[in-house]
N, C-alpha and C. Protein backbone atom coordinates (compact mmCIF):
# COMPACT_ATOMS: atom_id res chain seq x y z
N MET A 1 134.28 206.58 111.86
CA MET A 1 134.76 205.46 111.14
C MET A 1 133.82 205.44 109.86
N THR A 2 134.39 205.10 108.74
CA THR A 2 133.53 204.80 107.57
C THR A 2 132.91 203.39 107.53
N THR A 3 131.85 203.15 106.71
CA THR A 3 131.13 201.87 106.60
C THR A 3 132.27 200.85 106.34
N GLU A 4 133.26 200.94 105.57
CA GLU A 4 134.14 199.98 105.43
C GLU A 4 135.03 199.65 106.37
N ALA A 5 135.43 200.67 107.46
CA ALA A 5 136.20 200.41 108.52
C ALA A 5 135.29 199.72 109.62
N VAL A 6 134.09 200.01 109.64
CA VAL A 6 133.29 199.23 110.76
C VAL A 6 133.16 197.85 110.41
N LEU A 7 132.72 197.71 108.99
CA LEU A 7 132.90 196.31 108.38
C LEU A 7 133.92 195.50 108.84
N GLN A 8 135.22 195.99 108.46
CA GLN A 8 136.37 195.29 108.62
C GLN A 8 136.52 195.13 110.18
N SER A 9 136.20 195.87 110.98
CA SER A 9 136.32 195.88 112.52
C SER A 9 135.28 194.52 112.94
N HIS A 10 134.27 194.76 112.44
CA HIS A 10 133.21 193.60 112.79
C HIS A 10 133.90 192.18 112.19
N LEU A 11 134.33 192.06 111.17
CA LEU A 11 134.73 190.78 110.55
C LEU A 11 135.99 190.40 111.45
N ASN A 12 136.84 191.20 111.78
CA ASN A 12 137.89 190.95 112.65
C ASN A 12 137.66 190.62 114.16
N ALA A 13 136.55 191.19 114.55
CA ALA A 13 136.06 190.97 116.02
C ALA A 13 135.38 189.57 116.16
N ALA A 14 134.83 189.14 114.86
CA ALA A 14 134.17 187.91 114.91
C ALA A 14 135.04 187.03 115.39
N ARG A 15 136.30 186.97 114.90
CA ARG A 15 137.40 185.90 115.10
C ARG A 15 138.01 186.17 116.65
N GLU A 16 137.66 187.24 117.24
CA GLU A 16 138.20 187.37 118.59
C GLU A 16 137.00 187.05 119.83
N GLY A 17 135.93 187.28 119.40
CA GLY A 17 134.83 186.92 120.44
C GLY A 17 133.94 187.93 120.66
N VAL A 18 132.85 187.72 121.67
CA VAL A 18 131.65 188.44 121.76
C VAL A 18 132.11 190.03 122.36
N GLU A 19 133.08 190.07 123.23
CA GLU A 19 133.30 191.45 123.76
C GLU A 19 133.87 192.39 122.61
N ALA A 20 134.60 191.93 121.84
CA ALA A 20 135.26 192.50 120.37
C ALA A 20 134.14 192.87 119.46
N ILE A 21 133.09 191.90 119.54
CA ILE A 21 131.85 192.10 118.25
C ILE A 21 131.12 193.18 118.86
N MET A 22 130.81 193.23 120.32
CA MET A 22 129.93 194.18 120.78
C MET A 22 130.38 195.51 120.64
N GLN A 23 131.52 195.88 120.35
CA GLN A 23 132.07 197.06 120.16
C GLN A 23 131.55 197.88 119.14
N ASP A 24 130.80 197.20 118.10
CA ASP A 24 130.43 197.77 116.91
C ASP A 24 129.05 198.14 117.10
N TYR A 25 128.46 197.79 118.16
CA TYR A 25 126.94 198.02 118.29
C TYR A 25 126.68 199.09 119.45
N THR A 26 125.52 199.70 119.30
CA THR A 26 124.95 200.54 120.31
C THR A 26 123.72 199.99 120.97
N ASP A 27 123.28 200.59 122.09
CA ASP A 27 121.86 200.13 122.64
C ASP A 27 120.68 200.34 121.60
N ARG A 28 120.89 201.12 120.57
CA ARG A 28 119.97 201.45 119.63
C ARG A 28 119.95 200.34 118.37
N SER A 29 121.04 199.73 118.46
CA SER A 29 121.11 198.59 117.30
C SER A 29 120.06 197.74 117.41
N VAL A 30 119.84 197.35 115.98
CA VAL A 30 118.98 196.13 115.79
C VAL A 30 119.68 195.10 114.90
N LEU A 31 119.27 193.65 115.13
CA LEU A 31 119.75 192.66 114.50
C LEU A 31 118.41 191.86 114.09
N ILE A 32 118.41 191.86 112.78
CA ILE A 32 117.22 190.87 112.11
C ILE A 32 117.69 189.80 111.60
N THR A 33 117.37 188.52 112.00
CA THR A 33 117.75 187.14 111.42
C THR A 33 116.53 186.56 110.88
N HIS A 34 116.75 185.23 110.20
CA HIS A 34 115.81 184.68 109.74
C HIS A 34 114.65 184.07 110.72
N ASP A 35 114.81 183.95 111.90
CA ASP A 35 113.96 183.74 112.99
C ASP A 35 113.75 184.66 114.29
N ALA A 36 114.35 185.78 114.17
CA ALA A 36 113.97 186.48 115.29
C ALA A 36 114.55 187.79 115.08
N THR A 37 114.19 188.88 115.88
CA THR A 37 114.89 190.33 115.97
C THR A 37 115.49 190.55 117.19
N TYR A 38 116.50 190.89 117.33
CA TYR A 38 117.34 191.43 118.63
C TYR A 38 117.60 192.80 118.67
N ARG A 39 117.04 193.42 119.63
CA ARG A 39 117.09 195.02 119.81
C ARG A 39 118.22 195.19 120.94
N GLY A 40 119.06 196.06 120.92
CA GLY A 40 119.67 196.44 122.00
C GLY A 40 121.02 195.53 122.17
N LEU A 41 121.98 196.14 123.04
CA LEU A 41 123.13 195.45 123.29
C LEU A 41 122.88 194.02 124.17
N GLY A 42 122.18 193.93 124.77
CA GLY A 42 121.87 192.68 125.66
C GLY A 42 121.43 191.51 124.66
N GLU A 43 120.40 191.88 123.87
CA GLU A 43 119.64 190.90 123.10
C GLU A 43 120.80 190.45 122.01
N ILE A 44 121.27 191.55 121.54
CA ILE A 44 122.39 191.31 120.45
C ILE A 44 123.74 190.46 120.90
N ARG A 45 123.99 190.83 122.24
CA ARG A 45 125.12 190.05 122.93
C ARG A 45 124.74 188.55 123.21
N GLN A 46 123.47 188.34 123.29
CA GLN A 46 123.07 186.91 123.52
C GLN A 46 122.97 186.11 122.41
N PHE A 47 122.56 186.86 121.18
CA PHE A 47 122.83 186.06 119.91
C PHE A 47 124.12 185.70 119.48
N PHE A 48 125.10 186.63 119.67
CA PHE A 48 126.39 186.19 119.42
C PHE A 48 126.96 185.10 120.50
N VAL A 49 126.55 185.28 121.76
CA VAL A 49 127.06 184.29 122.52
C VAL A 49 126.82 182.82 122.10
N THR A 50 125.27 182.77 121.69
CA THR A 50 125.04 181.42 121.20
C THR A 50 125.48 181.10 119.98
N LEU A 51 125.45 181.89 119.24
CA LEU A 51 126.12 181.46 117.89
C LEU A 51 127.66 181.19 117.99
N LEU A 52 128.57 181.93 118.44
CA LEU A 52 129.94 181.46 118.66
C LEU A 52 130.04 180.14 119.50
N LYS A 53 129.15 179.93 120.50
CA LYS A 53 129.34 178.82 121.22
C LYS A 53 129.03 177.33 120.37
N GLU A 54 128.30 177.73 119.21
CA GLU A 54 127.77 176.64 118.35
C GLU A 54 128.95 176.40 117.21
N LEU A 55 129.56 177.22 116.97
CA LEU A 55 130.50 177.24 115.72
C LEU A 55 131.54 176.11 116.08
N PRO A 56 131.84 175.26 115.27
CA PRO A 56 133.08 174.18 115.35
C PRO A 56 134.43 174.85 115.34
N ALA A 57 135.18 174.15 116.08
CA ALA A 57 136.67 174.49 116.15
C ALA A 57 137.29 174.56 114.76
N GLY A 58 138.02 175.67 114.34
CA GLY A 58 138.41 175.94 113.17
C GLY A 58 137.65 176.43 112.16
N PHE A 59 136.42 177.06 112.60
CA PHE A 59 135.38 177.61 111.74
C PHE A 59 136.11 178.81 110.79
N TRP A 60 136.66 179.80 111.51
CA TRP A 60 137.17 180.62 110.81
C TRP A 60 138.36 180.39 109.86
N ASP A 61 138.98 179.17 110.00
CA ASP A 61 140.13 178.94 108.89
C ASP A 61 139.65 178.73 107.57
N GLY A 62 138.36 178.22 107.48
CA GLY A 62 137.83 178.26 106.16
C GLY A 62 136.90 179.03 105.61
N PHE A 63 136.67 180.26 106.41
CA PHE A 63 135.61 181.15 106.10
C PHE A 63 136.03 181.95 104.62
N GLU A 64 135.13 181.96 103.89
CA GLU A 64 135.38 182.53 102.55
C GLU A 64 134.41 183.63 102.19
N MET A 65 134.93 184.96 101.90
CA MET A 65 133.92 186.11 101.54
C MET A 65 133.80 185.87 100.07
N LYS A 66 132.64 185.90 99.57
CA LYS A 66 132.34 185.66 98.22
C LYS A 66 131.80 187.09 97.57
N ARG A 67 131.40 187.83 98.38
CA ARG A 67 131.16 189.29 97.74
C ARG A 67 130.90 190.26 98.98
N GLN A 68 131.53 191.28 98.74
CA GLN A 68 131.47 192.56 99.51
C GLN A 68 131.02 193.86 98.72
N GLU A 69 130.05 194.52 99.11
CA GLU A 69 129.70 195.77 98.43
C GLU A 69 129.24 196.79 99.55
N ILE A 70 129.90 197.90 99.31
CA ILE A 70 129.63 198.99 100.31
C ILE A 70 129.12 200.16 99.45
N VAL A 71 127.88 200.88 99.90
CA VAL A 71 127.39 201.98 99.11
C VAL A 71 126.97 202.91 100.36
N GLY A 72 127.61 203.96 100.52
CA GLY A 72 127.40 204.88 101.48
C GLY A 72 127.52 204.19 102.81
N GLU A 73 126.30 204.29 103.63
CA GLU A 73 126.15 203.68 105.02
C GLU A 73 125.76 202.26 105.04
N VAL A 74 125.51 201.72 103.75
CA VAL A 74 125.07 200.47 103.78
C VAL A 74 126.25 199.33 103.16
N ALA A 75 126.47 198.23 103.88
CA ALA A 75 127.34 197.17 103.54
C ALA A 75 126.82 195.95 103.41
N TYR A 76 127.10 194.95 102.40
CA TYR A 76 126.34 193.78 102.09
C TYR A 76 127.54 192.68 101.84
N ILE A 77 127.59 191.69 102.47
CA ILE A 77 128.37 190.62 102.30
C ILE A 77 127.70 189.11 102.11
N ARG A 78 128.22 188.43 101.43
CA ARG A 78 127.97 187.21 101.02
C ARG A 78 129.15 186.18 101.33
N TRP A 79 128.86 185.24 102.09
CA TRP A 79 129.93 184.46 102.42
C TRP A 79 129.56 182.95 102.63
N GLN A 80 130.65 182.03 102.96
CA GLN A 80 130.36 180.67 103.21
C GLN A 80 131.59 180.29 104.16
N ARG A 81 130.89 179.15 104.67
CA ARG A 81 132.07 178.13 105.43
C ARG A 81 131.46 176.90 105.32
N LYS A 82 131.95 176.27 104.32
CA LYS A 82 131.43 174.81 103.93
C LYS A 82 132.01 174.06 104.89
N PRO A 83 131.61 172.97 105.64
CA PRO A 83 130.15 172.40 104.95
C PRO A 83 129.12 173.00 105.83
N TRP A 84 129.22 173.83 106.71
CA TRP A 84 128.12 174.25 107.68
C TRP A 84 127.43 175.43 107.42
N PHE A 85 128.04 176.41 106.53
CA PHE A 85 127.15 177.49 105.83
C PHE A 85 127.50 177.59 104.44
N PRO A 86 126.77 176.88 103.61
CA PRO A 86 127.03 176.89 102.13
C PRO A 86 127.05 178.32 101.56
N LEU A 87 125.81 179.03 102.23
CA LEU A 87 125.50 180.24 101.76
C LEU A 87 124.94 181.12 102.96
N ALA A 88 125.52 182.29 103.16
CA ALA A 88 125.32 183.18 104.28
C ALA A 88 125.25 184.64 103.78
N THR A 89 124.44 185.50 104.11
CA THR A 89 124.60 186.99 103.91
C THR A 89 124.30 187.98 105.02
N ASP A 90 124.99 189.03 104.93
CA ASP A 90 124.61 189.90 106.07
C ASP A 90 124.59 191.19 105.01
N THR A 91 123.72 192.28 105.91
CA THR A 91 123.58 193.49 105.43
C THR A 91 123.73 194.34 106.64
N PHE A 92 124.53 195.45 106.47
CA PHE A 92 124.67 196.44 107.58
C PHE A 92 124.19 197.87 107.21
N VAL A 93 123.72 198.51 108.22
CA VAL A 93 123.63 200.14 108.02
C VAL A 93 124.42 200.56 109.21
N VAL A 94 125.28 201.37 108.68
CA VAL A 94 126.25 202.00 109.69
C VAL A 94 126.25 203.45 109.71
N ARG A 95 126.06 203.90 111.04
CA ARG A 95 125.85 205.27 111.25
C ARG A 95 126.77 205.80 112.49
N ASN A 96 127.34 206.92 112.29
CA ASN A 96 128.28 207.49 113.43
C ASN A 96 129.32 206.28 113.97
N GLY A 97 129.91 205.42 112.88
CA GLY A 97 130.84 204.57 113.22
C GLY A 97 130.28 203.33 114.07
N LYS A 98 129.14 203.11 114.15
CA LYS A 98 128.53 201.79 114.59
C LYS A 98 127.45 201.17 113.80
N ILE A 99 127.22 199.92 114.07
CA ILE A 99 126.05 199.07 113.15
C ILE A 99 124.92 199.40 113.95
N LEU A 100 123.99 200.12 113.13
CA LEU A 100 122.64 200.57 113.65
C LEU A 100 121.60 199.61 113.31
N PHE A 101 121.81 199.00 112.18
CA PHE A 101 120.72 197.90 111.54
C PHE A 101 121.77 196.86 110.90
N GLN A 102 121.35 195.50 111.17
CA GLN A 102 121.96 194.32 110.50
C GLN A 102 120.95 193.23 110.44
N THR A 103 120.99 192.76 109.09
CA THR A 103 120.30 191.51 108.77
C THR A 103 121.07 190.37 108.57
N PHE A 104 120.90 189.13 109.09
CA PHE A 104 121.64 187.85 108.85
C PHE A 104 120.91 186.75 108.41
N THR A 105 121.28 185.93 107.67
CA THR A 105 120.54 184.71 107.25
C THR A 105 121.55 183.85 106.65
N ALA A 106 121.44 182.70 106.89
CA ALA A 106 122.35 181.53 106.46
C ALA A 106 121.72 180.20 106.22
N GLN A 107 122.11 179.52 104.93
CA GLN A 107 121.65 178.27 104.80
C GLN A 107 122.67 177.23 105.61
N THR A 108 122.13 176.41 106.32
CA THR A 108 122.80 175.60 107.02
C THR A 108 122.76 174.14 106.66
N GLN A 109 123.64 173.38 106.99
CA GLN A 109 123.83 171.82 106.61
C GLN A 109 123.15 171.21 107.90
């Protein structure tokens, strides 16, 4: 899968739930956030379990992609979901059809 295809898969999976999201990662994947680093499937799964549990009902209805840039195996997105996330960014490094590295940070209300 191309970087663009993996990114689209990941964005679609986020609406479906943790099991769908985890299909985009491997045991070698690393997710770096503003307050912690998650390594491997178990730690990354726990991050998404917690994140999705905290999202309010209807969160995805107002999700807005503000910028998306893909260069080779790197994808960058800037998005928002007001009022909860007025600014958020993710950067992905995709190899062999999986997210190998990801960074995520968000300004929250």
